[in-house]
Amino acid sequence: MHELGLIKDLLSAVEKRTGPGKLKNVSRIIIEISLFGGIKKEHFIDEFNLATKGMFLYNDVLEIKEVPFGAPLTLVDVWLDN
């Protein structure tokens, strides 16, 4: 359940970068997860898909880079379709 809180925070951060109501225009969300942050990549993807079911965001939008150290999850970049 730890991932659900991170996903909620991630979606809030994405919306802050894109502006209200623009989540449907997101084509890529790039994040970093720390290998020592306690998050399993596959589990995070599953939880992300469950949390965003019915939204415009799907697994193919999410790009995850694993890094050896750092914050458990860091938003790196957000791409928008025009």
Protein backbone atom coordinates (compact mmCIF):
# COMPACT_ATOMS: atom_id res chain seq x y z
CA MET A 1 0.00 0.00 0.00
CA HIS A 2 3.05 2.25 0.31
CA GLU A 3 3.01 2.61 -3.48
CA LEU A 4 -0.53 4.02 -3.54
CA GLY A 5 0.53 7.02 -1.48
CA LEU A 6 3.51 7.57 -3.76
CA ILE A 7 1.27 7.31 -6.84
CA LYS A 8 -1.14 9.86 -5.40
CA ASP A 9 1.76 12.24 -4.73
CA LEU A 10 3.16 11.54 -8.20
CA LEU A 11 -0.13 12.36 -9.92
CA SER A 12 -0.42 15.56 -7.90
CA ALA A 13 3.11 16.57 -8.95
CA VAL A 14 2.31 15.77 -12.60
CA GLU A 15 -0.84 17.88 -12.43
CA LYS A 16 1.12 20.77 -10.91
CA ARG A 17 3.57 20.64 -13.82
CA THR A 18 0.91 20.31 -16.53
CA GLY A 19 -1.87 22.43 -15.06
CA PRO A 20 -5.38 21.46 -13.99
CA GLY A 21 -7.29 19.23 -16.40
CA LYS A 22 -4.28 18.42 -18.57
CA LEU A 23 -3.61 14.85 -17.41
CA LYS A 24 -5.34 13.64 -20.58
CA ASN A 25 -2.54 15.31 -22.59
CA VAL A 26 0.27 13.47 -20.81
CA SER A 27 2.17 11.18 -23.17
CA ARG A 28 5.07 10.22 -20.88
CA ILE A 29 5.86 10.33 -17.17
CA ILE A 30 9.51 9.69 -16.40
CA ILE A 31 10.39 8.73 -12.85
CA GLU A 32 13.37 7.37 -10.97
CA ILE A 33 13.04 4.79 -8.23
CA SER A 34 15.86 3.98 -5.87
CA LEU A 35 16.92 0.34 -5.69
CA PHE A 36 17.26 0.85 -1.94
CA GLY A 37 13.97 2.74 -1.61
CA GLY A 38 11.87 -0.35 -1.00
CA ILE A 39 9.83 -0.07 -4.21
CA LYS A 40 9.67 -3.01 -6.59
CA LYS A 41 9.38 -1.81 -10.19
CA GLU A 42 6.89 -4.49 -11.29
CA HIS A 43 4.69 -3.97 -8.23
CA PHE A 44 4.75 -0.20 -8.73
CA ILE A 45 3.63 -0.62 -12.36
CA ASP A 46 0.75 -2.88 -11.26
CA GLU A 47 -0.33 -0.40 -8.58
CA PHE A 48 -0.01 2.52 -11.01
CA ASN A 49 -2.27 0.74 -13.50
CA LEU A 50 -4.85 0.03 -10.79
CA ALA A 51 -4.75 3.60 -9.47
CA THR A 52 -5.11 5.15 -12.92
CA LYS A 53 -7.71 2.73 -14.30
CA GLY A 54 -10.33 4.73 -16.16
CA MET A 55 -7.96 7.67 -16.56
CA PHE A 56 -5.95 8.59 -19.63
CA LEU A 57 -2.76 7.33 -18.01
CA TYR A 58 -1.66 3.77 -18.66
CA ASN A 59 1.45 1.65 -18.29
CA ASP A 60 2.86 2.78 -21.63
CA VAL A 61 2.92 6.38 -20.31
CA LEU A 62 5.18 5.47 -17.40
CA GLU A 63 8.94 5.25 -17.88
CA ILE A 64 10.83 4.04 -14.84
CA LYS A 65 14.57 4.42 -14.41
CA GLU A 66 16.13 2.50 -11.55
CA VAL A 67 18.93 4.31 -9.73
CA PRO A 68 21.20 2.86 -7.03
CA PHE A 69 20.59 5.56 -4.40
CA GLY A 70 18.35 8.53 -3.74
CA ALA A 71 14.77 9.26 -2.87
CA PRO A 72 12.40 6.29 -3.15
CA LEU A 73 10.64 8.01 -6.08
CA THR A 74 11.54 11.13 -8.05
CA LEU A 75 9.55 12.75 -10.85
CA VAL A 76 12.08 13.49 -13.60
CA ASP A 77 9.97 14.78 -16.48
CA VAL A 78 6.49 14.95 -17.96
CA TRP A 79 5.81 15.03 -21.71
CA LEU A 80 2.62 16.44 -23.17
CA ASP A 81 0.89 15.83 -26.48
CA ASN A 82 -0.11 19.01 -28.25
